[in-house]
N, C-alpha and C. Protein backbone atom coordinates (compact mmCIF):
# COMPACT_ATOMS: atom_id res chain seq x y z
N MET A 1 10.35 19.57 4.33
CA MET A 1 11.45 19.06 5.12
C MET A 1 10.95 17.90 5.96
N ALA A 2 11.70 16.84 5.98
CA ALA A 2 11.34 15.64 6.74
C ALA A 2 11.56 15.88 8.23
N TRP A 3 10.81 15.16 9.04
CA TRP A 3 10.93 15.30 10.49
C TRP A 3 10.71 13.97 11.18
N VAL A 4 10.97 13.94 12.49
CA VAL A 4 10.82 12.73 13.30
C VAL A 4 9.96 13.07 14.51
N VAL A 5 9.02 12.18 14.83
CA VAL A 5 8.18 12.32 16.01
C VAL A 5 8.53 11.19 16.96
N GLU A 6 8.84 11.53 18.19
CA GLU A 6 9.20 10.54 19.20
C GLU A 6 7.92 10.09 19.91
N ARG A 7 7.76 8.78 20.06
CA ARG A 7 6.57 8.24 20.71
C ARG A 7 6.99 7.29 21.83
N HIS A 8 6.38 7.46 22.98
CA HIS A 8 6.67 6.60 24.13
C HIS A 8 5.48 5.67 24.33
N GLY A 9 5.77 4.38 24.46
CA GLY A 9 4.71 3.42 24.66
C GLY A 9 5.17 2.24 25.49
N ALA A 10 4.35 1.20 25.47
CA ALA A 10 4.66 0.01 26.26
C ALA A 10 5.92 -0.69 25.77
N LYS A 11 6.21 -0.56 24.48
CA LYS A 11 7.39 -1.21 23.91
C LYS A 11 8.62 -0.32 23.95
N GLY A 12 8.53 0.80 24.64
CA GLY A 12 9.66 1.72 24.72
C GLY A 12 9.48 2.89 23.78
N THR A 13 10.58 3.57 23.52
CA THR A 13 10.54 4.74 22.65
C THR A 13 10.64 4.31 21.19
N ARG A 14 9.73 4.82 20.37
CA ARG A 14 9.73 4.55 18.94
C ARG A 14 9.74 5.89 18.21
N TYR A 15 10.23 5.88 16.98
CA TYR A 15 10.37 7.11 16.21
C TYR A 15 9.65 6.94 14.88
N ARG A 16 8.84 7.97 14.55
CA ARG A 16 8.08 7.93 13.30
C ARG A 16 8.58 9.04 12.40
N GLY A 17 8.96 8.68 11.18
CA GLY A 17 9.43 9.67 10.21
C GLY A 17 8.25 10.24 9.46
N GLY A 18 8.26 11.54 9.24
CA GLY A 18 7.18 12.19 8.53
C GLY A 18 7.67 13.05 7.39
N TYR A 19 6.80 13.26 6.40
CA TYR A 19 7.10 14.10 5.25
C TYR A 19 5.78 14.55 4.63
N ARG A 20 5.83 15.43 3.66
CA ARG A 20 4.63 15.88 2.97
C ARG A 20 4.62 15.32 1.55
N ASP A 21 3.44 14.85 1.12
CA ASP A 21 3.31 14.33 -0.24
C ASP A 21 3.14 15.50 -1.22
N PRO A 22 3.06 15.23 -2.52
CA PRO A 22 2.94 16.33 -3.49
C PRO A 22 1.71 17.21 -3.28
N ASP A 23 0.66 16.68 -2.67
CA ASP A 23 -0.54 17.47 -2.41
C ASP A 23 -0.45 18.25 -1.10
N GLY A 24 0.64 18.09 -0.36
CA GLY A 24 0.83 18.81 0.89
C GLY A 24 0.29 18.09 2.12
N ARG A 25 -0.21 16.88 1.95
CA ARG A 25 -0.72 16.13 3.10
C ARG A 25 0.43 15.51 3.88
N LEU A 26 0.22 15.37 5.19
CA LEU A 26 1.23 14.74 6.03
C LEU A 26 1.21 13.24 5.81
N ARG A 27 2.38 12.65 5.66
CA ARG A 27 2.52 11.21 5.45
C ARG A 27 3.53 10.64 6.43
N SER A 28 3.41 9.36 6.70
CA SER A 28 4.36 8.67 7.56
C SER A 28 5.27 7.80 6.72
N ALA A 29 6.55 7.84 7.03
CA ALA A 29 7.53 7.00 6.34
C ALA A 29 7.74 5.69 7.09
N GLY A 30 7.05 5.52 8.21
CA GLY A 30 7.17 4.30 9.00
C GLY A 30 7.63 4.59 10.42
N THR A 31 7.57 3.56 11.24
CA THR A 31 7.98 3.66 12.63
C THR A 31 9.23 2.83 12.83
N PHE A 32 10.21 3.39 13.52
CA PHE A 32 11.52 2.76 13.66
C PHE A 32 11.99 2.80 15.10
N SER A 33 12.98 1.99 15.41
CA SER A 33 13.50 1.93 16.77
C SER A 33 14.55 3.01 17.04
N THR A 34 15.11 3.60 15.98
CA THR A 34 16.09 4.66 16.18
C THR A 34 15.67 5.92 15.43
N ARG A 35 16.05 7.04 15.98
CA ARG A 35 15.75 8.33 15.38
C ARG A 35 16.41 8.45 14.00
N ARG A 36 17.61 7.94 13.90
CA ARG A 36 18.37 8.02 12.65
C ARG A 36 17.66 7.27 11.52
N ASP A 37 17.18 6.05 11.80
CA ASP A 37 16.48 5.27 10.78
C ASP A 37 15.19 5.97 10.33
N ALA A 38 14.48 6.55 11.28
CA ALA A 38 13.24 7.25 10.95
C ALA A 38 13.51 8.46 10.06
N LEU A 39 14.54 9.21 10.38
CA LEU A 39 14.88 10.39 9.59
C LEU A 39 15.36 10.00 8.20
N ARG A 40 16.13 8.94 8.10
CA ARG A 40 16.59 8.46 6.79
C ARG A 40 15.42 8.04 5.91
N ALA A 41 14.47 7.31 6.49
CA ALA A 41 13.30 6.87 5.72
C ALA A 41 12.47 8.06 5.27
N ALA A 42 12.28 9.03 6.15
CA ALA A 42 11.50 10.22 5.79
C ALA A 42 12.22 11.02 4.70
N ASN A 43 13.53 11.13 4.79
CA ASN A 43 14.29 11.85 3.76
C ASN A 43 14.23 11.14 2.42
N ARG A 44 14.27 9.80 2.44
CA ARG A 44 14.16 9.03 1.20
C ARG A 44 12.82 9.32 0.51
N GLU A 45 11.74 9.28 1.29
CA GLU A 45 10.42 9.53 0.72
C GLU A 45 10.30 10.97 0.22
N GLU A 46 10.86 11.90 0.96
CA GLU A 46 10.81 13.30 0.54
C GLU A 46 11.59 13.51 -0.76
N GLN A 47 12.70 12.83 -0.91
CA GLN A 47 13.47 12.93 -2.15
C GLN A 47 12.69 12.38 -3.33
N LYS A 48 11.93 11.32 -3.10
CA LYS A 48 11.07 10.79 -4.16
C LYS A 48 10.02 11.82 -4.57
N VAL A 49 9.46 12.51 -3.58
CA VAL A 49 8.47 13.55 -3.87
C VAL A 49 9.11 14.66 -4.70
N LEU A 50 10.27 15.12 -4.29
CA LEU A 50 10.95 16.21 -4.99
C LEU A 50 11.37 15.82 -6.41
N ALA A 51 11.73 14.54 -6.60
CA ALA A 51 12.16 14.07 -7.91
C ALA A 51 10.98 13.73 -8.82
N GLY A 52 9.78 13.70 -8.26
CA GLY A 52 8.60 13.35 -9.06
C GLY A 52 8.41 11.86 -9.22
N ALA A 53 9.13 11.07 -8.45
CA ALA A 53 9.05 9.61 -8.56
C ALA A 53 8.14 8.99 -7.51
N TRP A 54 7.58 9.80 -6.62
CA TRP A 54 6.73 9.30 -5.55
C TRP A 54 5.35 8.99 -6.09
N HIS A 55 4.75 7.90 -5.63
CA HIS A 55 3.36 7.61 -5.98
C HIS A 55 2.65 7.09 -4.75
N ASP A 56 1.38 7.37 -4.68
CA ASP A 56 0.56 6.98 -3.55
C ASP A 56 0.18 5.51 -3.71
N THR A 57 0.71 4.67 -2.84
CA THR A 57 0.46 3.24 -2.96
C THR A 57 -0.97 2.87 -2.58
N THR A 58 -1.66 3.73 -1.84
CA THR A 58 -3.04 3.40 -1.45
C THR A 58 -4.02 3.61 -2.59
N LEU A 59 -3.65 4.36 -3.62
CA LEU A 59 -4.57 4.60 -4.73
C LEU A 59 -4.72 3.38 -5.63
N GLY A 60 -3.77 2.50 -5.62
CA GLY A 60 -3.82 1.35 -6.50
C GLY A 60 -4.43 0.11 -5.88
N GLU A 61 -5.03 0.25 -4.73
CA GLU A 61 -5.57 -0.92 -4.05
C GLU A 61 -6.83 -1.42 -4.74
N VAL A 62 -6.79 -2.66 -5.19
CA VAL A 62 -7.93 -3.32 -5.79
C VAL A 62 -8.02 -4.69 -5.13
N THR A 63 -9.20 -5.03 -4.66
CA THR A 63 -9.35 -6.34 -4.02
C THR A 63 -9.32 -7.43 -5.08
N PHE A 64 -8.97 -8.62 -4.65
CA PHE A 64 -8.93 -9.76 -5.55
C PHE A 64 -10.30 -10.00 -6.17
N HIS A 65 -11.33 -9.94 -5.35
CA HIS A 65 -12.70 -10.18 -5.83
C HIS A 65 -13.08 -9.17 -6.91
N ASP A 66 -12.79 -7.88 -6.67
CA ASP A 66 -13.12 -6.86 -7.65
C ASP A 66 -12.35 -7.04 -8.95
N TYR A 67 -11.09 -7.40 -8.84
CA TYR A 67 -10.29 -7.63 -10.05
C TYR A 67 -10.84 -8.79 -10.86
N VAL A 68 -11.14 -9.90 -10.19
CA VAL A 68 -11.63 -11.08 -10.90
C VAL A 68 -12.97 -10.78 -11.56
N GLN A 69 -13.89 -10.15 -10.82
CA GLN A 69 -15.22 -9.88 -11.37
C GLN A 69 -15.21 -8.80 -12.45
N GLY A 70 -14.33 -7.81 -12.30
CA GLY A 70 -14.34 -6.69 -13.24
C GLY A 70 -13.42 -6.82 -14.42
N GLU A 71 -12.31 -7.53 -14.28
CA GLU A 71 -11.30 -7.60 -15.33
C GLU A 71 -11.04 -9.01 -15.85
N TRP A 72 -10.70 -9.89 -14.95
CA TRP A 72 -10.21 -11.20 -15.36
C TRP A 72 -11.31 -12.06 -15.98
N LEU A 73 -12.39 -12.28 -15.26
CA LEU A 73 -13.45 -13.19 -15.74
C LEU A 73 -14.14 -12.69 -17.00
N PRO A 74 -14.48 -11.41 -17.13
CA PRO A 74 -15.12 -10.97 -18.36
C PRO A 74 -14.24 -11.10 -19.60
N ASN A 75 -12.94 -11.13 -19.43
CA ASN A 75 -12.03 -11.22 -20.57
C ASN A 75 -11.62 -12.65 -20.91
N LYS A 76 -12.16 -13.62 -20.19
CA LYS A 76 -11.88 -15.02 -20.50
C LYS A 76 -12.89 -15.50 -21.54
N HIS A 77 -12.39 -15.93 -22.66
CA HIS A 77 -13.25 -16.45 -23.73
C HIS A 77 -13.18 -17.97 -23.69
N VAL A 78 -14.04 -18.55 -22.87
CA VAL A 78 -14.06 -19.99 -22.67
C VAL A 78 -15.49 -20.51 -22.79
N LYS A 79 -15.61 -21.81 -22.85
CA LYS A 79 -16.94 -22.42 -22.93
C LYS A 79 -17.70 -22.17 -21.63
N ALA A 80 -19.01 -22.32 -21.72
CA ALA A 80 -19.88 -22.06 -20.57
C ALA A 80 -19.56 -23.00 -19.40
N SER A 81 -19.24 -24.25 -19.70
CA SER A 81 -18.94 -25.20 -18.63
C SER A 81 -17.63 -24.84 -17.92
N THR A 82 -16.66 -24.35 -18.67
CA THR A 82 -15.39 -23.93 -18.08
C THR A 82 -15.60 -22.69 -17.22
N ARG A 83 -16.40 -21.75 -17.71
CA ARG A 83 -16.71 -20.55 -16.93
C ARG A 83 -17.41 -20.92 -15.63
N ALA A 84 -18.35 -21.86 -15.71
CA ALA A 84 -19.05 -22.31 -14.50
C ALA A 84 -18.08 -22.97 -13.52
N ALA A 85 -17.12 -23.73 -14.03
CA ALA A 85 -16.12 -24.35 -13.16
C ALA A 85 -15.25 -23.28 -12.51
N TYR A 86 -14.84 -22.27 -13.28
CA TYR A 86 -14.04 -21.18 -12.72
C TYR A 86 -14.79 -20.49 -11.59
N ILE A 87 -16.05 -20.18 -11.83
CA ILE A 87 -16.85 -19.49 -10.82
C ILE A 87 -17.00 -20.35 -9.57
N SER A 88 -17.20 -21.65 -9.77
CA SER A 88 -17.31 -22.56 -8.64
C SER A 88 -16.02 -22.60 -7.83
N TYR A 89 -14.88 -22.70 -8.51
CA TYR A 89 -13.59 -22.72 -7.83
C TYR A 89 -13.35 -21.42 -7.06
N LEU A 90 -13.67 -20.31 -7.72
CA LEU A 90 -13.48 -19.02 -7.06
C LEU A 90 -14.34 -18.90 -5.81
N ASN A 91 -15.60 -19.28 -5.92
CA ASN A 91 -16.51 -19.18 -4.78
C ASN A 91 -16.12 -20.11 -3.64
N LYS A 92 -15.63 -21.28 -4.00
CA LYS A 92 -15.31 -22.27 -2.98
C LYS A 92 -13.94 -22.09 -2.34
N HIS A 93 -12.94 -21.71 -3.16
CA HIS A 93 -11.57 -21.72 -2.65
C HIS A 93 -10.91 -20.34 -2.52
N PHE A 94 -11.27 -19.40 -3.35
CA PHE A 94 -10.53 -18.14 -3.38
C PHE A 94 -11.23 -16.97 -2.69
N TYR A 95 -12.53 -16.85 -2.83
CA TYR A 95 -13.22 -15.71 -2.23
C TYR A 95 -13.32 -15.77 -0.71
N PRO A 96 -13.58 -16.94 -0.13
CA PRO A 96 -13.68 -16.94 1.34
C PRO A 96 -12.34 -16.59 1.95
């Protein structure tokens, strides 16, 4: 069952919607300015869990650098000079 936690801070009262994921861990549906919005968001997420459509968005996190080094660059079939140019561009413009 979804719930709402009221929080008092410098910006006033805020409401955080909560629910449980398929593994039973506590999750946050976000922080909202009204209790109603927080409860709606928590209920939406809980319905996704019950329907089997919920997925953990944190599990799919891959950094750009890891993707390029592990997937993209090894699958490029280009000449050595082109590969060297790609690596130079990546090091100079994209990785920093």
